């Protein structure tokens, strides 16, 4: 795999022995962050147990930070695994996307919106 685009000079908000957190270069909301492992690999399901624990610690630390800094009303957390899921960068990253009242007309279905005709399930 070629060098990761995440290994640029962006400020790391947090880091631990497993990975780091940066703001998304193309945020979908104020505070949108990425949790990224140090090891370059593409699929979350190839993570070691240590990586899962370390990334999860960063996820929860980032959530607390975003709560304090931006006061969102909710979050979407997402991981794209494979091209058909929309993955465009071959370096695993976890999106934590703060959500705010009225940031979309109807948030019903949440993450299901990745397939628009499946958004409504009632």
N, C-alpha and C. Protein backbone atom coordinates (compact mmCIF):
# COMPACT_ATOMS: atom_id res chain seq x y z
N UNK A 1 0.85 -1.18 0.00
CA UNK A 1 0.00 0.00 0.00
C UNK A 1 0.89 1.24 0.00
N UNK A 2 0.48 2.25 -0.74
CA UNK A 2 1.25 3.48 -0.76
C UNK A 2 1.05 4.24 0.55
N UNK A 3 1.75 5.34 0.66
CA UNK A 3 1.67 6.11 1.91
C UNK A 3 0.25 6.63 2.14
N UNK A 4 -0.14 6.65 3.37
CA UNK A 4 -1.48 7.09 3.76
C UNK A 4 -1.61 8.61 3.61
N UNK A 5 -2.74 9.08 3.08
CA UNK A 5 -2.97 10.52 3.01
C UNK A 5 -3.20 11.13 4.39
N UNK A 6 -3.41 10.28 5.40
CA UNK A 6 -3.62 10.80 6.75
C UNK A 6 -2.32 11.11 7.47
N UNK A 7 -1.21 10.73 6.87
CA UNK A 7 0.08 10.96 7.52
C UNK A 7 0.68 12.27 7.02
N UNK A 8 -0.16 13.29 7.00
CA UNK A 8 0.29 14.61 6.58
C UNK A 8 0.57 15.45 7.82
N UNK A 9 0.59 16.73 7.67
CA UNK A 9 0.95 17.60 8.79
C UNK A 9 -0.24 18.13 9.57
N UNK A 10 -1.41 17.50 9.40
CA UNK A 10 -2.56 17.95 10.18
C UNK A 10 -2.33 17.74 11.66
N UNK A 11 -2.85 18.67 12.44
CA UNK A 11 -2.71 18.58 13.89
C UNK A 11 -3.43 17.35 14.43
N UNK A 12 -2.76 16.61 15.26
CA UNK A 12 -3.36 15.47 15.93
C UNK A 12 -4.01 15.97 17.21
N UNK A 13 -5.29 15.73 17.31
CA UNK A 13 -6.04 16.17 18.49
C UNK A 13 -5.70 15.30 19.68
N UNK A 14 -5.67 13.98 19.44
CA UNK A 14 -5.30 12.99 20.45
C UNK A 14 -4.49 11.91 19.76
N UNK A 15 -3.72 11.18 20.55
CA UNK A 15 -3.05 10.00 20.05
C UNK A 15 -2.74 9.07 21.20
N UNK A 16 -2.58 7.81 20.87
CA UNK A 16 -2.13 6.83 21.84
C UNK A 16 -1.21 5.86 21.09
N UNK A 17 -0.87 4.75 21.71
CA UNK A 17 0.08 3.84 21.08
C UNK A 17 -0.47 3.16 19.82
N UNK A 18 -1.79 3.19 19.64
CA UNK A 18 -2.44 2.50 18.53
C UNK A 18 -2.78 3.42 17.37
N UNK A 19 -3.12 4.68 17.68
CA UNK A 19 -3.58 5.56 16.61
C UNK A 19 -3.66 7.01 17.03
N UNK A 20 -4.41 7.77 16.22
CA UNK A 20 -4.51 9.21 16.45
C UNK A 20 -5.84 9.73 15.91
N UNK A 21 -6.14 10.98 16.27
CA UNK A 21 -7.39 11.63 15.87
C UNK A 21 -7.06 12.95 15.19
N UNK A 22 -7.73 13.19 14.06
CA UNK A 22 -7.59 14.47 13.35
C UNK A 22 -8.99 14.94 12.94
N UNK A 23 -9.09 16.23 12.64
CA UNK A 23 -10.32 16.73 12.04
C UNK A 23 -10.36 16.28 10.58
N UNK A 24 -11.55 15.94 10.10
CA UNK A 24 -11.72 15.55 8.70
C UNK A 24 -11.43 16.74 7.80
N UNK A 25 -10.70 16.50 6.71
CA UNK A 25 -10.37 17.56 5.75
C UNK A 25 -11.60 18.09 5.02
N UNK A 26 -12.63 17.24 4.89
CA UNK A 26 -13.86 17.59 4.21
C UNK A 26 -15.04 17.29 5.12
N UNK A 27 -15.19 18.06 6.21
CA UNK A 27 -16.18 17.73 7.24
C UNK A 27 -17.62 17.85 6.75
N UNK A 28 -18.45 16.91 7.20
CA UNK A 28 -19.88 17.00 6.90
C UNK A 28 -20.62 17.76 7.99
N UNK A 29 -19.96 18.01 9.12
CA UNK A 29 -20.52 18.84 10.17
C UNK A 29 -19.38 19.45 10.97
N UNK A 30 -19.71 20.43 11.77
CA UNK A 30 -18.72 21.08 12.62
C UNK A 30 -18.21 20.06 13.65
N UNK A 31 -16.89 19.81 13.64
CA UNK A 31 -16.28 18.89 14.58
C UNK A 31 -16.04 17.49 14.04
N UNK A 32 -16.41 17.22 12.80
CA UNK A 32 -16.24 15.89 12.20
C UNK A 32 -14.78 15.46 12.32
N UNK A 33 -14.55 14.33 12.98
CA UNK A 33 -13.20 13.83 13.21
C UNK A 33 -13.02 12.43 12.64
N UNK A 34 -11.76 12.06 12.48
CA UNK A 34 -11.38 10.72 12.05
C UNK A 34 -10.46 10.11 13.10
N UNK A 35 -10.72 8.86 13.45
CA UNK A 35 -9.87 8.09 14.34
C UNK A 35 -9.13 7.11 13.45
N UNK A 36 -7.79 7.14 13.48
CA UNK A 36 -6.97 6.44 12.50
C UNK A 36 -5.89 5.62 13.20
N UNK A 37 -5.76 4.35 12.82
CA UNK A 37 -4.68 3.55 13.40
C UNK A 37 -3.33 3.96 12.82
N UNK A 38 -2.28 3.77 13.60
CA UNK A 38 -0.93 4.02 13.10
C UNK A 38 -0.57 3.04 11.99
N UNK A 39 -0.93 1.80 12.17
CA UNK A 39 -0.65 0.77 11.16
C UNK A 39 -1.54 1.05 9.95
N UNK A 40 -0.97 0.97 8.79
CA UNK A 40 -1.73 1.22 7.57
C UNK A 40 -2.34 -0.09 7.08
N UNK A 41 -3.66 -0.18 7.17
CA UNK A 41 -4.43 -1.31 6.66
C UNK A 41 -5.82 -0.78 6.37
N UNK A 42 -6.56 -1.46 5.51
CA UNK A 42 -7.80 -0.86 5.02
C UNK A 42 -9.07 -1.31 5.72
N UNK A 43 -9.11 -2.51 6.25
CA UNK A 43 -10.37 -3.09 6.72
C UNK A 43 -10.42 -3.21 8.24
N UNK A 44 -11.44 -2.63 8.83
CA UNK A 44 -11.63 -2.68 10.28
C UNK A 44 -11.57 -4.12 10.79
N UNK A 45 -12.08 -5.04 10.02
CA UNK A 45 -12.15 -6.43 10.45
C UNK A 45 -10.79 -7.13 10.44
N UNK A 46 -9.75 -6.42 9.98
CA UNK A 46 -8.38 -6.91 10.07
C UNK A 46 -7.66 -6.31 11.28
N UNK A 47 -8.36 -5.57 12.10
CA UNK A 47 -7.78 -4.96 13.30
C UNK A 47 -7.45 -6.04 14.33
N UNK A 48 -6.37 -5.81 15.05
CA UNK A 48 -6.04 -6.69 16.17
C UNK A 48 -6.92 -6.29 17.36
N UNK A 49 -6.97 -7.15 18.35
CA UNK A 49 -7.73 -6.82 19.57
C UNK A 49 -7.17 -5.56 20.22
N UNK A 50 -5.86 -5.44 20.24
CA UNK A 50 -5.22 -4.25 20.82
C UNK A 50 -5.62 -2.99 20.04
N UNK A 51 -5.67 -3.08 18.72
CA UNK A 51 -6.07 -1.93 17.91
C UNK A 51 -7.52 -1.55 18.17
N UNK A 52 -8.40 -2.53 18.26
CA UNK A 52 -9.80 -2.24 18.52
C UNK A 52 -9.96 -1.52 19.85
N UNK A 53 -9.28 -2.00 20.88
CA UNK A 53 -9.35 -1.37 22.20
C UNK A 53 -8.80 0.05 22.14
N UNK A 54 -7.64 0.22 21.52
CA UNK A 54 -7.01 1.54 21.44
C UNK A 54 -7.82 2.53 20.62
N UNK A 55 -8.36 2.08 19.49
CA UNK A 55 -9.19 2.97 18.66
C UNK A 55 -10.47 3.34 19.39
N UNK A 56 -11.04 2.39 20.11
CA UNK A 56 -12.26 2.66 20.87
C UNK A 56 -12.00 3.68 21.98
N UNK A 57 -10.85 3.60 22.62
CA UNK A 57 -10.49 4.59 23.65
C UNK A 57 -10.40 5.98 23.03
N UNK A 58 -9.80 6.06 21.84
CA UNK A 58 -9.72 7.34 21.14
C UNK A 58 -11.10 7.84 20.74
N UNK A 59 -11.97 6.94 20.32
CA UNK A 59 -13.34 7.31 19.94
C UNK A 59 -14.07 7.94 21.11
N UNK A 60 -14.01 7.31 22.27
CA UNK A 60 -14.72 7.84 23.44
C UNK A 60 -14.10 9.15 23.93
N UNK A 61 -12.78 9.26 23.86
CA UNK A 61 -12.11 10.50 24.25
C UNK A 61 -12.50 11.64 23.31
N UNK A 62 -12.59 11.32 22.03
CA UNK A 62 -12.98 12.32 21.03
C UNK A 62 -14.43 12.75 21.23
N UNK A 63 -15.30 11.81 21.51
CA UNK A 63 -16.71 12.14 21.77
C UNK A 63 -16.83 13.12 22.92
N UNK A 64 -16.11 12.87 24.00
CA UNK A 64 -16.14 13.78 25.17
C UNK A 64 -15.63 15.17 24.78
N UNK A 65 -14.55 15.20 24.04
CA UNK A 65 -13.98 16.47 23.57
C UNK A 65 -14.98 17.24 22.70
N UNK A 66 -15.62 16.55 21.77
CA UNK A 66 -16.59 17.20 20.88
C UNK A 66 -17.81 17.69 21.66
N UNK A 67 -18.24 16.91 22.65
CA UNK A 67 -19.35 17.36 23.52
C UNK A 67 -19.00 18.69 24.18
N UNK A 68 -17.79 18.78 24.71
CA UNK A 68 -17.37 19.99 25.43
C UNK A 68 -17.13 21.17 24.48
N UNK A 69 -16.56 20.91 23.32
CA UNK A 69 -16.18 22.00 22.40
C UNK A 69 -17.34 22.48 21.53
N UNK A 70 -18.20 21.57 21.05
CA UNK A 70 -19.23 21.92 20.08
C UNK A 70 -20.66 21.71 20.56
N UNK A 71 -20.83 20.97 21.65
CA UNK A 71 -22.16 20.72 22.22
C UNK A 71 -23.17 20.18 21.20
N UNK A 72 -22.82 19.11 20.48
CA UNK A 72 -23.78 18.53 19.53
C UNK A 72 -24.92 17.82 20.27
N UNK A 73 -25.97 17.53 19.54
CA UNK A 73 -27.12 16.83 20.12
C UNK A 73 -27.07 15.33 19.90
N UNK A 74 -26.16 14.86 19.04
CA UNK A 74 -26.03 13.44 18.74
C UNK A 74 -24.79 13.20 17.91
N UNK A 75 -24.60 11.94 17.53
CA UNK A 75 -23.43 11.55 16.74
C UNK A 75 -23.79 10.45 15.77
N UNK A 76 -23.09 10.41 14.65
CA UNK A 76 -23.03 9.23 13.80
C UNK A 76 -21.58 8.75 13.88
N UNK A 77 -21.41 7.46 14.01
CA UNK A 77 -20.10 6.84 14.00
C UNK A 77 -20.11 5.84 12.86
N UNK A 78 -19.12 5.93 11.97
CA UNK A 78 -19.15 5.05 10.81
C UNK A 78 -17.78 4.63 10.33
N UNK A 79 -17.77 3.43 9.73
CA UNK A 79 -16.56 2.87 9.14
C UNK A 79 -16.95 2.29 7.79
N UNK A 80 -16.25 2.69 6.74
CA UNK A 80 -16.48 2.11 5.41
C UNK A 80 -15.45 1.00 5.20
N UNK A 81 -15.92 -0.19 4.87
CA UNK A 81 -15.03 -1.32 4.62
C UNK A 81 -15.24 -1.82 3.19
N UNK A 82 -14.33 -1.46 2.31
CA UNK A 82 -14.40 -1.88 0.92
C UNK A 82 -14.98 -0.82 0.01
N UNK A 83 -14.61 -0.91 -1.26
CA UNK A 83 -15.05 0.07 -2.26
C UNK A 83 -16.56 0.16 -2.37
N UNK A 84 -17.27 -0.99 -2.32
CA UNK A 84 -18.72 -0.95 -2.48
C UNK A 84 -19.41 -0.25 -1.32
N UNK A 85 -18.71 -0.10 -0.19
CA UNK A 85 -19.28 0.62 0.94
C UNK A 85 -19.00 2.13 0.84
N UNK A 86 -18.20 2.51 -0.14
CA UNK A 86 -17.85 3.92 -0.30
C UNK A 86 -16.46 4.25 0.17
N UNK A 87 -15.68 3.26 0.58
CA UNK A 87 -14.32 3.54 1.05
C UNK A 87 -13.47 4.05 -0.10
N UNK A 88 -12.87 5.22 0.08
CA UNK A 88 -12.04 5.81 -0.96
C UNK A 88 -10.57 5.92 -0.55
N UNK A 89 -10.28 5.70 0.71
CA UNK A 89 -8.91 5.75 1.22
C UNK A 89 -8.59 4.37 1.80
N UNK A 90 -7.49 3.77 1.35
CA UNK A 90 -7.13 2.43 1.80
C UNK A 90 -6.37 2.43 3.12
N UNK A 91 -6.73 3.33 4.00
CA UNK A 91 -6.19 3.35 5.36
C UNK A 91 -7.40 3.48 6.27
N UNK A 92 -7.64 2.43 7.07
CA UNK A 92 -8.80 2.42 7.96
C UNK A 92 -8.94 3.75 8.68
N UNK A 93 -10.17 4.21 8.79
CA UNK A 93 -10.47 5.39 9.59
C UNK A 93 -11.92 5.31 10.04
N UNK A 94 -12.15 5.77 11.25
CA UNK A 94 -13.47 5.77 11.85
C UNK A 94 -13.96 7.21 11.89
N UNK A 95 -15.12 7.44 11.30
CA UNK A 95 -15.71 8.78 11.33
C UNK A 95 -16.53 8.94 12.60
N UNK A 96 -16.34 10.06 13.29
CA UNK A 96 -17.27 10.46 14.34
C UNK A 96 -17.80 11.83 13.91
N UNK A 97 -19.10 11.83 13.63
CA UNK A 97 -19.73 13.01 13.03
C UNK A 97 -20.75 13.59 14.01
N UNK A 98 -20.44 14.77 14.58
CA UNK A 98 -21.42 15.40 15.46
C UNK A 98 -22.67 15.80 14.68
N UNK A 99 -23.82 15.67 15.32
CA UNK A 99 -25.09 16.02 14.70
C UNK A 99 -25.76 17.12 15.50
N UNK A 100 -26.45 17.98 14.79
CA UNK A 100 -27.08 19.15 15.39
C UNK A 100 -28.54 19.23 14.95
N UNK A 101 -29.39 19.83 15.79
CA UNK A 101 -30.80 19.96 15.40
C UNK A 101 -30.93 20.65 14.04
N UNK A 102 -31.76 20.07 13.19
CA UNK A 102 -32.08 20.64 11.88
C UNK A 102 -30.90 20.70 10.92
N UNK A 103 -29.85 19.86 11.15
CA UNK A 103 -28.75 19.84 10.17
C UNK A 103 -29.15 19.12 8.89
N UNK A 104 -30.22 18.34 8.95
CA UNK A 104 -30.88 17.77 7.78
C UNK A 104 -32.38 17.87 8.01
N UNK A 105 -33.15 17.84 6.94
CA UNK A 105 -34.60 17.97 7.07
C UNK A 105 -35.21 16.86 7.92
N UNK A 106 -34.79 15.61 7.69
CA UNK A 106 -35.35 14.49 8.42
C UNK A 106 -34.24 13.47 8.69
N UNK A 107 -33.74 13.41 9.92
CA UNK A 107 -32.65 12.49 10.23
C UNK A 107 -33.08 11.03 10.42
N UNK A 108 -34.38 10.75 10.32
CA UNK A 108 -34.86 9.39 10.51
C UNK A 108 -34.11 8.41 9.63
N UNK A 109 -33.66 7.33 10.22
CA UNK A 109 -32.91 6.32 9.47
C UNK A 109 -31.42 6.44 9.64
N UNK A 110 -30.94 7.61 10.06
CA UNK A 110 -29.53 7.80 10.36
C UNK A 110 -28.59 7.20 9.34
N UNK A 111 -27.77 6.28 9.76
CA UNK A 111 -26.75 5.68 8.92
C UNK A 111 -27.34 4.91 7.74
N UNK A 112 -28.61 4.54 7.85
CA UNK A 112 -29.29 3.86 6.75
C UNK A 112 -29.36 4.75 5.50
N UNK A 113 -29.12 6.03 5.65
CA UNK A 113 -29.20 6.97 4.52
C UNK A 113 -28.14 6.71 3.47
N UNK A 114 -27.16 5.85 3.75
CA UNK A 114 -26.15 5.55 2.74
C UNK A 114 -26.79 4.85 1.54
N UNK A 115 -27.95 4.23 1.74
CA UNK A 115 -28.75 3.67 0.65
C UNK A 115 -30.10 4.38 0.74
N UNK A 116 -30.26 5.50 0.03
CA UNK A 116 -31.41 6.37 0.22
C UNK A 116 -32.79 5.69 0.22
N UNK A 117 -33.01 4.72 -0.67
CA UNK A 117 -34.33 4.11 -0.69
C UNK A 117 -34.56 3.13 0.47
N UNK A 118 -33.55 2.93 1.32
CA UNK A 118 -33.70 2.10 2.51
C UNK A 118 -33.77 2.94 3.80
N UNK A 119 -33.70 4.26 3.63
CA UNK A 119 -33.68 5.16 4.78
C UNK A 119 -34.93 5.00 5.64
N UNK A 120 -36.07 4.98 5.03
CA UNK A 120 -37.33 4.87 5.76
C UNK A 120 -37.68 3.40 5.91
N UNK A 121 -37.80 2.96 7.13
CA UNK A 121 -38.06 1.54 7.37
C UNK A 121 -39.35 1.30 8.14
N UNK A 122 -40.14 2.32 8.36
CA UNK A 122 -41.40 2.16 9.10
C UNK A 122 -42.53 1.89 8.14
